[in-house]
Amino acid sequence: MGLRNTTVLCLALFLAFSSCIHGLDINTAVSKYPEFSKFSSYITESKLADQINGQKAITVLTLSDDALASFSGKPEDYVKLVLENHVITNYQDEKNLFMAVGGREKLPTLSSSGIFVNLINEGEVAFSAVDEKDKYESKLVRTVETQPGTISILEVDNPIVSDEATAAATGDGKKVGGGSRVEMGLFVGIVIALVSIFASL
C-alpha cells in the first residue's frame, strides 16, 4: 500500500514538473470549449499560438465561432493583425480590467500599437484599437478560464479591428512581416549608413 501511494505521488510530481517545463498551451486551454474552435484554428494557422505559448503571463480575448463570421474571405494579413489585438501580453482578469479603466490604461498586446479598455453604456467593459469613445465596439462577455498570474481567457463579442487591419482587408495595407515593411527597413538602413558616412568626412 505504501509503495502504491509513493508511485502515485511520484507520478503526480512528474506531471506537475512536466507542465511547468512546457509552460502555456493556449490551444489545449481553448479546445475545451467547442464554441471557440475557429479561434483556435486561426491562432494556429497565423503562428500566434507559438507566440502566446512563449509568454510567461498572457490574457487572450477569445471570440466565438459566430463572432468570427466576419473573418470569412479576409486575407491572412487581416486575420493576424486583428488577432494580435486579442492577445494582451500580461495577466488581466475582470477585476484588473476595471482598475485599468479607472486609470485609462493602454494594454500591451502582440500588436505593437496595443489596445484601450474603457467602460461604456451601463458599466460594460469594452475594448478598442483606438482611444475614441464611439470606437469601443468589442465588449467583455464573460470570464472563460483563469489561472491567476499566468493565463486569463476572456470572451469578447466582436473583433478588435485596427486601421492597419482594415487597410490589409482592402488591399491597401502592408504585408505582415514582409513586402513594404522590409523595403522600409532597407530604406531606413541606407539613410542611416549615408548619414554615418557624411558625418565621418
N, C-alpha and C. Protein backbone atom coordinates (compact mmCIF):
# COMPACT_ATOMS: atom_id res chain seq x y z
N MET A 1 0.83 -1.20 0.00
CA MET A 1 0.00 0.00 0.00
C MET A 1 0.86 1.25 0.00
N GLY A 2 1.92 1.23 0.81
CA GLY A 2 2.82 2.37 0.88
C GLY A 2 3.52 2.60 -0.45
N LEU A 3 3.90 1.50 -1.12
CA LEU A 3 4.57 1.60 -2.42
C LEU A 3 3.64 2.22 -3.45
N ARG A 4 2.37 1.84 -3.40
CA ARG A 4 1.39 2.38 -4.35
C ARG A 4 1.23 3.88 -4.15
N ASN A 5 1.12 4.32 -2.89
CA ASN A 5 0.99 5.75 -2.60
C ASN A 5 2.20 6.53 -3.08
N THR A 6 3.39 5.93 -2.89
CA THR A 6 4.63 6.58 -3.33
C THR A 6 4.66 6.71 -4.84
N THR A 7 4.20 5.65 -5.54
CA THR A 7 4.17 5.65 -7.01
C THR A 7 3.22 6.74 -7.52
N VAL A 8 2.03 6.83 -6.89
CA VAL A 8 1.05 7.84 -7.30
C VAL A 8 1.60 9.25 -7.06
N LEU A 9 2.26 9.44 -5.92
CA LEU A 9 2.85 10.75 -5.60
C LEU A 9 3.92 11.13 -6.60
N CYS A 10 4.78 10.18 -6.94
CA CYS A 10 5.85 10.43 -7.92
C CYS A 10 5.26 10.80 -9.28
N LEU A 11 4.19 10.09 -9.68
CA LEU A 11 3.56 10.36 -10.97
C LEU A 11 2.96 11.77 -10.98
N ALA A 12 2.31 12.14 -9.88
CA ALA A 12 1.72 13.48 -9.79
C ALA A 12 2.79 14.56 -9.86
N LEU A 13 3.91 14.34 -9.16
CA LEU A 13 5.01 15.31 -9.19
C LEU A 13 5.61 15.41 -10.59
N PHE A 14 5.73 14.27 -11.26
CA PHE A 14 6.28 14.26 -12.62
C PHE A 14 5.39 15.05 -13.56
N LEU A 15 4.07 14.85 -13.46
CA LEU A 15 3.14 15.56 -14.34
C LEU A 15 3.17 17.06 -14.07
N ALA A 16 3.25 17.43 -12.79
CA ALA A 16 3.32 18.85 -12.42
C ALA A 16 4.60 19.47 -12.96
N PHE A 17 5.72 18.75 -12.81
CA PHE A 17 7.01 19.25 -13.30
C PHE A 17 7.01 19.36 -14.81
N SER A 18 6.39 18.37 -15.46
CA SER A 18 6.32 18.36 -16.91
C SER A 18 5.52 19.56 -17.42
N SER A 19 4.40 19.89 -16.74
CA SER A 19 3.60 21.03 -17.18
C SER A 19 4.35 22.34 -16.99
N CYS A 20 5.19 22.43 -15.98
CA CYS A 20 6.00 23.64 -15.76
C CYS A 20 7.01 23.81 -16.88
N ILE A 21 7.58 22.69 -17.33
CA ILE A 21 8.58 22.75 -18.40
C ILE A 21 7.93 23.24 -19.69
N HIS A 22 6.74 22.70 -19.99
CA HIS A 22 6.10 23.03 -21.26
C HIS A 22 5.41 24.39 -21.23
N GLY A 23 5.11 24.92 -20.04
CA GLY A 23 4.51 26.24 -19.92
C GLY A 23 3.09 26.28 -20.48
N LEU A 24 2.75 27.41 -21.09
CA LEU A 24 1.40 27.61 -21.59
C LEU A 24 1.14 26.78 -22.84
N ASP A 25 -0.10 26.35 -22.99
CA ASP A 25 -0.55 25.71 -24.23
C ASP A 25 -1.96 26.23 -24.50
N ILE A 26 -2.03 27.33 -25.23
CA ILE A 26 -3.30 28.01 -25.42
C ILE A 26 -4.31 27.15 -26.17
N ASN A 27 -3.86 26.36 -27.14
CA ASN A 27 -4.81 25.54 -27.88
C ASN A 27 -5.45 24.47 -27.00
N THR A 28 -4.67 23.90 -26.08
CA THR A 28 -5.22 22.92 -25.15
C THR A 28 -6.27 23.58 -24.26
N ALA A 29 -5.95 24.79 -23.81
CA ALA A 29 -6.88 25.52 -22.93
C ALA A 29 -8.17 25.87 -23.66
N VAL A 30 -8.05 26.38 -24.89
CA VAL A 30 -9.23 26.83 -25.64
C VAL A 30 -10.03 25.66 -26.20
N SER A 31 -9.36 24.55 -26.55
CA SER A 31 -10.04 23.42 -27.19
C SER A 31 -11.07 22.75 -26.29
N LYS A 32 -11.04 23.06 -25.01
CA LYS A 32 -12.05 22.50 -24.09
C LYS A 32 -13.42 23.13 -24.34
N TYR A 33 -13.44 24.21 -25.09
CA TYR A 33 -14.68 24.94 -25.35
C TYR A 33 -14.98 24.91 -26.85
N PRO A 34 -15.90 24.04 -27.27
CA PRO A 34 -16.15 23.87 -28.72
C PRO A 34 -16.59 25.14 -29.42
N GLU A 35 -17.16 26.11 -28.68
CA GLU A 35 -17.61 27.35 -29.31
C GLU A 35 -16.46 28.23 -29.79
N PHE A 36 -15.21 27.86 -29.39
CA PHE A 36 -14.04 28.64 -29.80
C PHE A 36 -13.14 27.87 -30.78
N SER A 37 -13.69 26.89 -31.46
CA SER A 37 -12.88 26.04 -32.35
C SER A 37 -12.24 26.84 -33.49
N LYS A 38 -12.97 27.79 -34.05
CA LYS A 38 -12.41 28.59 -35.14
C LYS A 38 -11.28 29.50 -34.63
N PHE A 39 -11.47 30.06 -33.45
CA PHE A 39 -10.43 30.91 -32.86
C PHE A 39 -9.15 30.10 -32.70
N SER A 40 -9.27 28.89 -32.20
CA SER A 40 -8.11 28.01 -32.02
C SER A 40 -7.42 27.74 -33.36
N SER A 41 -8.23 27.50 -34.40
CA SER A 41 -7.66 27.24 -35.73
C SER A 41 -6.93 28.46 -36.28
N TYR A 42 -7.54 29.63 -36.11
CA TYR A 42 -6.93 30.86 -36.63
C TYR A 42 -5.61 31.18 -35.95
N ILE A 43 -5.52 31.01 -34.62
CA ILE A 43 -4.26 31.36 -33.94
C ILE A 43 -3.17 30.34 -34.27
N THR A 44 -3.58 29.12 -34.62
CA THR A 44 -2.59 28.12 -35.05
C THR A 44 -2.08 28.45 -36.44
N GLU A 45 -3.00 28.71 -37.37
CA GLU A 45 -2.63 28.99 -38.76
C GLU A 45 -1.79 30.26 -38.89
N SER A 46 -2.04 31.24 -38.03
CA SER A 46 -1.30 32.51 -38.09
C SER A 46 0.01 32.47 -37.30
N LYS A 47 0.30 31.32 -36.68
CA LYS A 47 1.52 31.12 -35.86
C LYS A 47 1.48 31.91 -34.55
N LEU A 48 0.33 32.50 -34.22
CA LEU A 48 0.24 33.27 -32.98
C LEU A 48 0.25 32.35 -31.75
N ALA A 49 -0.20 31.12 -31.92
CA ALA A 49 -0.21 30.18 -30.79
C ALA A 49 1.19 30.01 -30.22
N ASP A 50 2.20 29.93 -31.10
CA ASP A 50 3.59 29.79 -30.64
C ASP A 50 4.02 31.01 -29.84
N GLN A 51 3.63 32.20 -30.29
CA GLN A 51 3.98 33.43 -29.57
C GLN A 51 3.28 33.48 -28.22
N ILE A 52 2.03 33.07 -28.19
CA ILE A 52 1.26 33.06 -26.94
C ILE A 52 1.90 32.09 -25.94
N ASN A 53 2.23 30.91 -26.41
CA ASN A 53 2.80 29.88 -25.53
C ASN A 53 4.17 30.27 -24.99
N GLY A 54 4.83 31.20 -25.66
CA GLY A 54 6.15 31.64 -25.22
C GLY A 54 6.11 32.70 -24.14
N GLN A 55 4.91 33.17 -23.80
CA GLN A 55 4.77 34.22 -22.79
C GLN A 55 4.72 33.63 -21.38
N LYS A 56 5.22 34.39 -20.40
CA LYS A 56 5.13 33.94 -19.00
C LYS A 56 3.74 34.18 -18.44
N ALA A 57 3.10 35.25 -18.88
CA ALA A 57 1.74 35.56 -18.47
C ALA A 57 1.01 36.14 -19.66
N ILE A 58 -0.26 35.82 -19.82
CA ILE A 58 -0.98 36.20 -21.02
C ILE A 58 -2.47 36.33 -20.74
N THR A 59 -3.12 37.20 -21.49
CA THR A 59 -4.58 37.30 -21.47
C THR A 59 -5.06 37.20 -22.90
N VAL A 60 -5.95 36.26 -23.15
CA VAL A 60 -6.46 36.04 -24.50
C VAL A 60 -7.93 36.45 -24.54
N LEU A 61 -8.24 37.37 -25.42
CA LEU A 61 -9.63 37.81 -25.62
C LEU A 61 -10.19 36.97 -26.76
N THR A 62 -10.81 35.88 -26.40
CA THR A 62 -11.24 34.92 -27.42
C THR A 62 -12.59 35.32 -28.01
N LEU A 63 -12.85 34.79 -29.20
CA LEU A 63 -14.08 35.08 -29.93
C LEU A 63 -14.79 33.77 -30.27
N SER A 64 -16.10 33.77 -30.16
CA SER A 64 -16.86 32.57 -30.52
C SER A 64 -16.84 32.38 -32.03
N ASP A 65 -17.23 31.20 -32.47
CA ASP A 65 -17.29 30.92 -33.91
C ASP A 65 -18.22 31.90 -34.62
N ASP A 66 -19.34 32.23 -33.98
CA ASP A 66 -20.28 33.19 -34.59
C ASP A 66 -19.65 34.57 -34.74
N ALA A 67 -18.88 34.99 -33.72
CA ALA A 67 -18.25 36.31 -33.75
C ALA A 67 -17.16 36.40 -34.81
N LEU A 68 -16.65 35.25 -35.22
CA LEU A 68 -15.58 35.22 -36.23
C LEU A 68 -16.11 35.10 -37.65
N ALA A 69 -17.42 35.17 -37.82
CA ALA A 69 -18.01 35.05 -39.16
C ALA A 69 -17.47 36.12 -40.11
N SER A 70 -17.14 37.29 -39.55
CA SER A 70 -16.64 38.40 -40.38
C SER A 70 -15.26 38.12 -40.96
N PHE A 71 -14.57 37.08 -40.47
CA PHE A 71 -13.24 36.74 -40.99
C PHE A 71 -13.32 36.01 -42.33
N SER A 72 -14.48 35.51 -42.65
CA SER A 72 -14.64 34.72 -43.87
C SER A 72 -14.25 35.54 -45.10
N GLY A 73 -13.32 34.99 -45.90
CA GLY A 73 -12.88 35.65 -47.12
C GLY A 73 -11.85 36.73 -46.92
N LYS A 74 -11.47 37.01 -45.67
CA LYS A 74 -10.47 38.05 -45.41
C LYS A 74 -9.06 37.49 -45.59
N PRO A 75 -8.10 38.33 -46.03
CA PRO A 75 -6.72 37.86 -46.23
C PRO A 75 -6.04 37.51 -44.90
N GLU A 76 -5.00 36.69 -45.00
CA GLU A 76 -4.27 36.24 -43.81
C GLU A 76 -3.71 37.41 -43.01
N ASP A 77 -3.24 38.45 -43.71
CA ASP A 77 -2.68 39.62 -43.02
C ASP A 77 -3.72 40.25 -42.09
N TYR A 78 -4.95 40.37 -42.59
CA TYR A 78 -6.04 40.95 -41.80
C TYR A 78 -6.29 40.13 -40.55
N VAL A 79 -6.42 38.81 -40.73
CA VAL A 79 -6.70 37.91 -39.61
C VAL A 79 -5.62 38.01 -38.54
N LYS A 80 -4.37 37.98 -38.96
CA LYS A 80 -3.27 38.04 -37.99
C LYS A 80 -3.24 39.38 -37.26
N LEU A 81 -3.42 40.47 -37.98
CA LEU A 81 -3.39 41.80 -37.36
C LEU A 81 -4.50 41.97 -36.33
N VAL A 82 -5.69 41.44 -36.65
CA VAL A 82 -6.80 41.53 -35.70
C VAL A 82 -6.54 40.67 -34.48
N LEU A 83 -6.10 39.43 -34.70
CA LEU A 83 -5.88 38.52 -33.57
C LEU A 83 -4.76 38.99 -32.65
N GLU A 84 -3.77 39.70 -33.21
CA GLU A 84 -2.70 40.26 -32.36
C GLU A 84 -3.29 41.21 -31.32
N ASN A 85 -4.38 41.89 -31.67
CA ASN A 85 -5.04 42.79 -30.72
C ASN A 85 -5.78 42.03 -29.62
N HIS A 86 -5.98 40.75 -29.82
CA HIS A 86 -6.73 39.94 -28.86
C HIS A 86 -5.81 39.18 -27.90
N VAL A 87 -4.53 39.49 -27.95
CA VAL A 87 -3.58 38.83 -27.04
C VAL A 87 -2.86 39.90 -26.23
N ILE A 88 -3.28 40.07 -24.98
CA ILE A 88 -2.66 41.03 -24.07
C ILE A 88 -1.46 40.35 -23.42
N THR A 89 -0.31 41.01 -23.46
CA THR A 89 0.93 40.36 -23.04
C THR A 89 1.21 40.46 -21.54
N ASN A 90 0.16 40.46 -20.75
CA ASN A 90 0.28 40.31 -19.31
C ASN A 90 -1.04 39.74 -18.79
N TYR A 91 -1.10 39.47 -17.50
CA TYR A 91 -2.30 38.85 -16.93
C TYR A 91 -3.34 39.92 -16.58
N GLN A 92 -4.55 39.73 -17.08
CA GLN A 92 -5.66 40.62 -16.76
C GLN A 92 -6.90 39.77 -16.49
N ASP A 93 -7.53 39.99 -15.35
CA ASP A 93 -8.84 39.39 -15.12
C ASP A 93 -9.85 40.53 -15.05
N GLU A 94 -11.11 40.20 -14.76
CA GLU A 94 -12.14 41.25 -14.77
C GLU A 94 -11.84 42.35 -13.75
N LYS A 95 -11.36 41.97 -12.58
CA LYS A 95 -11.04 42.96 -11.55
C LYS A 95 -9.93 43.89 -12.03
N ASN A 96 -8.88 43.32 -12.61
CA ASN A 96 -7.77 44.14 -13.13
C ASN A 96 -8.24 45.09 -14.22
N LEU A 97 -9.16 44.62 -15.05
CA LEU A 97 -9.65 45.46 -16.15
C LEU A 97 -10.43 46.66 -15.64
N PHE A 98 -11.23 46.45 -14.60
CA PHE A 98 -11.96 47.58 -14.03
C PHE A 98 -10.99 48.61 -13.46
N MET A 99 -9.89 48.13 -12.86
CA MET A 99 -8.87 49.05 -12.33
C MET A 99 -8.18 49.78 -13.48
N ALA A 100 -7.93 49.07 -14.59
CA ALA A 100 -7.28 49.68 -15.75
C ALA A 100 -8.16 50.76 -16.35
N VAL A 101 -9.46 50.52 -16.35
CA VAL A 101 -10.40 51.51 -16.87
C VAL A 101 -10.30 52.81 -16.08
N GLY A 102 -10.20 52.67 -14.75
CA GLY A 102 -10.10 53.85 -13.89
C GLY A 102 -8.88 54.69 -14.19
N GLY A 103 -7.79 54.02 -14.60
CA GLY A 103 -6.55 54.74 -14.90
C GLY A 103 -6.37 55.02 -16.37
N ARG A 104 -7.40 54.72 -17.19
CA ARG A 104 -7.35 54.88 -18.65
C ARG A 104 -6.06 54.28 -19.19
N GLU A 105 -5.85 53.05 -18.81
CA GLU A 105 -4.61 52.37 -19.17
C GLU A 105 -4.68 51.78 -20.58
N LYS A 106 -3.57 51.88 -21.27
CA LYS A 106 -3.43 51.23 -22.56
C LYS A 106 -2.80 49.86 -22.31
N LEU A 107 -3.40 48.82 -22.87
CA LEU A 107 -2.93 47.47 -22.61
C LEU A 107 -1.99 47.00 -23.71
N PRO A 108 -0.83 46.43 -23.35
CA PRO A 108 0.10 45.94 -24.36
C PRO A 108 -0.39 44.63 -24.97
N THR A 109 -0.28 44.52 -26.27
CA THR A 109 -0.69 43.30 -26.97
C THR A 109 0.42 42.83 -27.90
N LEU A 110 0.18 41.72 -28.58
CA LEU A 110 1.14 41.26 -29.58
C LEU A 110 1.23 42.25 -30.74
N SER A 111 0.19 43.08 -30.89
CA SER A 111 0.26 44.18 -31.84
C SER A 111 1.08 45.29 -31.21
N SER A 112 1.94 45.91 -31.97
CA SER A 112 2.82 46.96 -31.42
C SER A 112 2.04 48.17 -30.92
N SER A 113 0.83 48.37 -31.42
CA SER A 113 0.04 49.54 -31.03
C SER A 113 -0.75 49.34 -29.75
N GLY A 114 -1.00 48.09 -29.33
CA GLY A 114 -1.76 47.84 -28.12
C GLY A 114 -3.24 48.15 -28.30
N ILE A 115 -4.01 47.99 -27.21
CA ILE A 115 -5.45 48.30 -27.26
C ILE A 115 -5.83 49.11 -26.02
N PHE A 116 -7.02 49.71 -26.09
CA PHE A 116 -7.53 50.52 -24.99
C PHE A 116 -8.73 49.83 -24.36
N VAL A 117 -8.90 50.04 -23.06
CA VAL A 117 -10.05 49.48 -22.35
C VAL A 117 -10.82 50.64 -21.72
N ASN A 118 -12.16 50.53 -21.74
CA ASN A 118 -12.98 51.61 -21.22
C ASN A 118 -14.33 51.05 -20.77
N LEU A 119 -15.09 51.85 -20.03
CA LEU A 119 -16.45 51.49 -19.66
C LEU A 119 -17.42 52.21 -20.59
N ILE A 120 -18.39 51.46 -21.12
CA ILE A 120 -19.40 52.07 -21.99
C ILE A 120 -20.78 51.67 -21.48
N ASN A 121 -21.80 52.33 -22.01
CA ASN A 121 -23.19 52.04 -21.65
C ASN A 121 -23.36 52.03 -20.13
N GLU A 122 -23.90 50.95 -19.61
CA GLU A 122 -24.14 50.85 -18.16
C GLU A 122 -23.01 50.10 -17.47
N GLY A 123 -21.79 50.55 -17.68
CA GLY A 123 -20.66 49.93 -16.98
C GLY A 123 -20.11 48.68 -17.63
N GLU A 124 -20.30 48.52 -18.94
CA GLU A 124 -19.74 47.37 -19.65
C GLU A 124 -18.26 47.62 -19.96
N VAL A 125 -17.42 46.60 -19.76
CA VAL A 125 -16.01 46.71 -20.12
C VAL A 125 -15.90 46.51 -21.62
N ALA A 126 -15.25 47.46 -22.29
CA ALA A 126 -15.14 47.39 -23.75
C ALA A 126 -13.71 47.68 -24.18
N PHE A 127 -13.38 47.23 -25.39
CA PHE A 127 -12.02 47.35 -25.92
C PHE A 127 -12.05 48.00 -27.30
N SER A 128 -10.94 48.65 -27.63
CA SER A 128 -10.81 49.27 -28.95
C SER A 128 -9.34 49.40 -29.31
N ALA A 129 -9.07 49.43 -30.62
CA ALA A 129 -7.70 49.64 -31.09
C ALA A 129 -7.34 51.12 -31.04
N VAL A 130 -8.35 52.00 -30.93
CA VAL A 130 -8.10 53.44 -30.83
C VAL A 130 -8.89 54.01 -29.65
N ASP A 131 -8.35 55.04 -29.02
CA ASP A 131 -8.98 55.61 -27.83
C ASP A 131 -9.97 56.70 -28.22
N GLU A 132 -11.06 56.27 -28.87
CA GLU A 132 -12.13 57.18 -29.26
C GLU A 132 -13.45 56.61 -28.77
N LYS A 133 -14.27 57.45 -28.16
CA LYS A 133 -15.48 57.00 -27.47
C LYS A 133 -16.37 56.11 -28.31
N ASP A 134 -16.59 56.48 -29.57
CA ASP A 134 -17.53 55.72 -30.40
C ASP A 134 -16.89 54.52 -31.08
N LYS A 135 -15.63 54.23 -30.74
CA LYS A 135 -14.93 53.10 -31.37
C LYS A 135 -14.88 51.86 -30.48
N TYR A 136 -15.40 51.96 -29.25
CA TYR A 136 -15.35 50.82 -28.32
C TYR A 136 -16.50 49.86 -28.63
N GLU A 137 -16.26 48.99 -29.61
CA GLU A 137 -17.32 48.11 -30.10
C GLU A 137 -17.18 46.66 -29.63
N SER A 138 -16.03 46.31 -29.06
CA SER A 138 -15.82 44.94 -28.60
C SER A 138 -15.99 44.89 -27.08
N LYS A 139 -17.04 44.19 -26.63
CA LYS A 139 -17.37 44.18 -25.21
C LYS A 139 -17.04 42.84 -24.55
N LEU A 140 -16.68 42.92 -23.28
CA LEU A 140 -16.41 41.71 -22.50
C LEU A 140 -17.71 40.97 -22.27
N VAL A 141 -17.70 39.66 -22.59
CA VAL A 141 -18.88 38.83 -22.41
C VAL A 141 -18.81 38.07 -21.09
N ARG A 142 -17.66 37.40 -20.86
CA ARG A 142 -17.53 36.59 -19.65
C ARG A 142 -16.09 36.15 -19.46
N THR A 143 -15.80 35.68 -18.26
CA THR A 143 -14.53 35.02 -17.99
C THR A 143 -14.69 33.55 -18.36
N VAL A 144 -13.82 33.07 -19.22
CA VAL A 144 -13.87 31.67 -19.63
C VAL A 144 -13.07 30.80 -18.67
N GLU A 145 -11.83 31.23 -18.42
CA GLU A 145 -10.94 30.45 -17.55
C GLU A 145 -9.78 31.33 -17.10
N THR A 146 -9.35 31.17 -15.87
CA THR A 146 -8.17 31.90 -15.39
C THR A 146 -7.29 31.00 -14.54
N GLN A 147 -6.00 31.22 -14.64
CA GLN A 147 -5.01 30.65 -13.73
C GLN A 147 -4.26 31.88 -13.20
N PRO A 148 -4.67 32.37 -12.02
CA PRO A 148 -4.18 33.67 -11.52
C PRO A 148 -2.69 33.90 -11.70
N GLY A 149 -2.37 35.04 -12.35
CA GLY A 149 -0.98 35.42 -12.56
C GLY A 149 -0.34 34.81 -13.79
N THR A 150 -1.03 33.85 -14.42
CA THR A 150 -0.43 33.15 -15.56
C THR A 150 -1.23 33.33 -16.84
N ILE A 151 -2.45 32.80 -16.85
CA ILE A 151 -3.26 32.86 -18.08
C ILE A 151 -4.69 33.23 -17.75
N SER A 152 -5.24 34.10 -18.57
CA SER A 152 -6.64 34.52 -18.43
C SER A 152 -7.27 34.45 -19.82
N ILE A 153 -8.36 33.73 -19.91
CA ILE A 153 -9.10 33.64 -21.18
C ILE A 153 -10.45 34.30 -20.96
N LEU A 154 -10.67 35.39 -21.67
CA LEU A 154 -11.90 36.17 -21.55
C LEU A 154 -12.59 36.20 -22.91
N GLU A 155 -13.89 36.05 -22.93
CA GLU A 155 -14.63 36.12 -24.19
C GLU A 155 -15.10 37.54 -24.45
N VAL A 156 -14.90 38.01 -25.69
CA VAL A 156 -15.44 39.29 -26.13
C VAL A 156 -16.39 39.05 -27.30
N ASP A 157 -17.25 40.02 -27.57
CA ASP A 157 -18.31 39.77 -28.56
C ASP A 157 -17.97 40.14 -30.00
N ASN A 158 -16.96 40.98 -30.19
CA ASN A 158 -16.61 41.40 -31.55
C ASN A 158 -15.10 41.53 -31.71
N PRO A 159 -14.58 41.34 -32.93
CA PRO A 159 -13.15 41.53 -33.17
C PRO A 159 -12.72 42.97 -32.91
N ILE A 160 -11.49 43.13 -32.43
CA ILE A 160 -10.90 44.46 -32.20
C ILE A 160 -10.07 44.79 -33.44
N VAL A 161 -10.61 45.63 -34.30
CA VAL A 161 -10.01 45.87 -35.62
C VAL A 161 -9.30 47.21 -35.65
N SER A 162 -8.02 47.18 -35.95
CA SER A 162 -7.23 48.41 -36.07
C SER A 162 -7.33 48.96 -37.49
N ASP A 163 -6.91 50.21 -37.68
CA ASP A 163 -6.89 50.81 -39.02
C ASP A 163 -5.97 50.02 -39.95
N GLU A 164 -4.86 49.51 -39.38
CA GLU A 164 -3.90 48.73 -40.17
C GLU A 164 -4.55 47.46 -40.70
N ALA A 165 -5.36 46.81 -39.85
CA ALA A 165 -6.05 45.59 -40.28
C ALA A 165 -7.08 45.89 -41.35
N THR A 166 -7.79 47.00 -41.17
CA THR A 166 -8.78 47.41 -42.17
C THR A 166 -8.11 47.65 -43.53
N ALA A 167 -6.95 48.29 -43.49
CA ALA A 167 -6.20 48.54 -44.73
C ALA A 167 -5.77 47.23 -45.37
N ALA A 168 -5.38 46.26 -44.54
CA ALA A 168 -4.96 44.95 -45.07
C ALA A 168 -6.14 44.24 -45.74
N ALA A 169 -7.33 44.42 -45.18
CA ALA A 169 -8.52 43.77 -45.74
C ALA A 169 -8.91 44.34 -47.09
N THR A 170 -8.60 45.64 -47.31
CA THR A 170 -8.96 46.29 -48.56
C THR A 170 -7.83 46.26 -49.59
N GLY A 171 -6.70 45.67 -49.17
CA GLY A 171 -5.56 45.59 -50.08
C GLY A 171 -4.67 46.80 -50.05
N ASP A 172 -4.98 47.76 -49.16
CA ASP A 172 -4.18 48.98 -49.07
C ASP A 172 -3.09 48.89 -48.01
N GLY A 173 -3.10 47.79 -47.24
CA GLY A 173 -2.15 47.67 -46.13
C GLY A 173 -0.83 47.09 -46.53
N LYS A 174 0.08 47.06 -45.55
CA LYS A 174 1.40 46.47 -45.75
C LYS A 174 1.35 45.02 -45.35
N LYS A 175 2.04 44.17 -46.06
CA LYS A 175 2.06 42.76 -45.72
C LYS A 175 2.77 42.57 -44.39
N VAL A 176 2.16 41.70 -43.55
CA VAL A 176 2.74 41.45 -42.24
C VAL A 176 4.04 40.69 -42.39
N GLY A 177 5.10 41.24 -41.86
CA GLY A 177 6.38 40.55 -41.86
C GLY A 177 7.10 40.56 -43.19
N GLY A 178 6.64 41.36 -44.16
CA GLY A 178 7.33 41.32 -45.45
C GLY A 178 6.96 42.51 -46.30
N GLY A 179 7.23 42.42 -47.61
CA GLY A 179 6.79 43.44 -48.55
C GLY A 179 7.26 44.82 -48.18
N SER A 180 6.28 45.74 -48.00
CA SER A 180 6.58 47.14 -47.74
C SER A 180 7.39 47.36 -46.48
N ARG A 181 7.15 46.53 -45.43
CA ARG A 181 7.89 46.71 -44.19
C ARG A 181 9.38 46.43 -44.39
N VAL A 182 9.66 45.40 -45.17
CA VAL A 182 11.06 45.08 -45.43
C VAL A 182 11.71 46.20 -46.23
N GLU A 183 10.98 46.70 -47.24
CA GLU A 183 11.51 47.78 -48.06
C GLU A 183 11.76 49.03 -47.22
N MET A 184 10.85 49.33 -46.31
CA MET A 184 11.03 50.49 -45.44
C MET A 184 12.26 50.31 -44.55
N GLY A 185 12.44 49.07 -44.05
CA GLY A 185 13.61 48.78 -43.22
C GLY A 185 14.90 48.98 -43.99
N LEU A 186 14.93 48.55 -45.25
CA LEU A 186 16.12 48.74 -46.09
C LEU A 186 16.38 50.22 -46.34
N PHE A 187 15.30 50.97 -46.61
CA PHE A 187 15.44 52.40 -46.85
C PHE A 187 16.03 53.11 -45.63
N VAL A 188 15.50 52.80 -44.45
CA VAL A 188 16.00 53.41 -43.22
C VAL A 188 17.46 53.05 -43.00
N GLY A 189 17.81 51.78 -43.28
CA GLY A 189 19.20 51.34 -43.12
C GLY A 189 20.15 52.10 -44.02
N ILE A 190 19.71 52.32 -45.27
CA ILE A 190 20.54 53.06 -46.24
C ILE A 190 20.73 54.50 -45.78
N VAL A 191 19.66 55.13 -45.32
CA VAL A 191 19.73 56.53 -44.85
C VAL A 191 20.71 56.65 -43.69
N ILE A 192 20.61 55.72 -42.72
CA ILE A 192 21.50 55.73 -41.57
C ILE A 192 22.96 55.56 -41.99
N ALA A 193 23.18 54.66 -42.95
CA ALA A 193 24.55 54.42 -43.45
C ALA A 193 25.11 55.67 -44.12
N LEU A 194 24.27 56.35 -44.92
CA LEU A 194 24.72 57.56 -45.60
C LEU A 194 25.02 58.68 -44.62
N VAL A 195 24.18 58.82 -43.59
CA VAL A 195 24.42 59.84 -42.56
C VAL A 195 25.73 59.56 -41.85
N SER A 196 26.01 58.29 -41.56
CA SER A 196 27.25 57.91 -40.88
C SER A 196 28.47 58.25 -41.74
N ILE A 197 28.34 58.00 -43.05
CA ILE A 197 29.46 58.27 -43.97
C ILE A 197 29.74 59.76 -44.02
N PHE A 198 28.69 60.57 -44.20
CA PHE A 198 28.89 62.02 -44.26
C PHE A 198 29.40 62.58 -42.94
N ALA A 199 28.98 62.02 -41.84
CA ALA A 199 29.42 62.50 -40.54
C ALA A 199 30.90 62.24 -40.32
N SER A 200 31.40 61.15 -40.93
CA SER A 200 32.82 60.80 -40.73
C SER A 200 33.75 61.57 -41.67
N LEU A 201 33.18 62.30 -42.65
CA LEU A 201 34.03 63.06 -43.60
C LEU A 201 34.55 64.36 -42.99
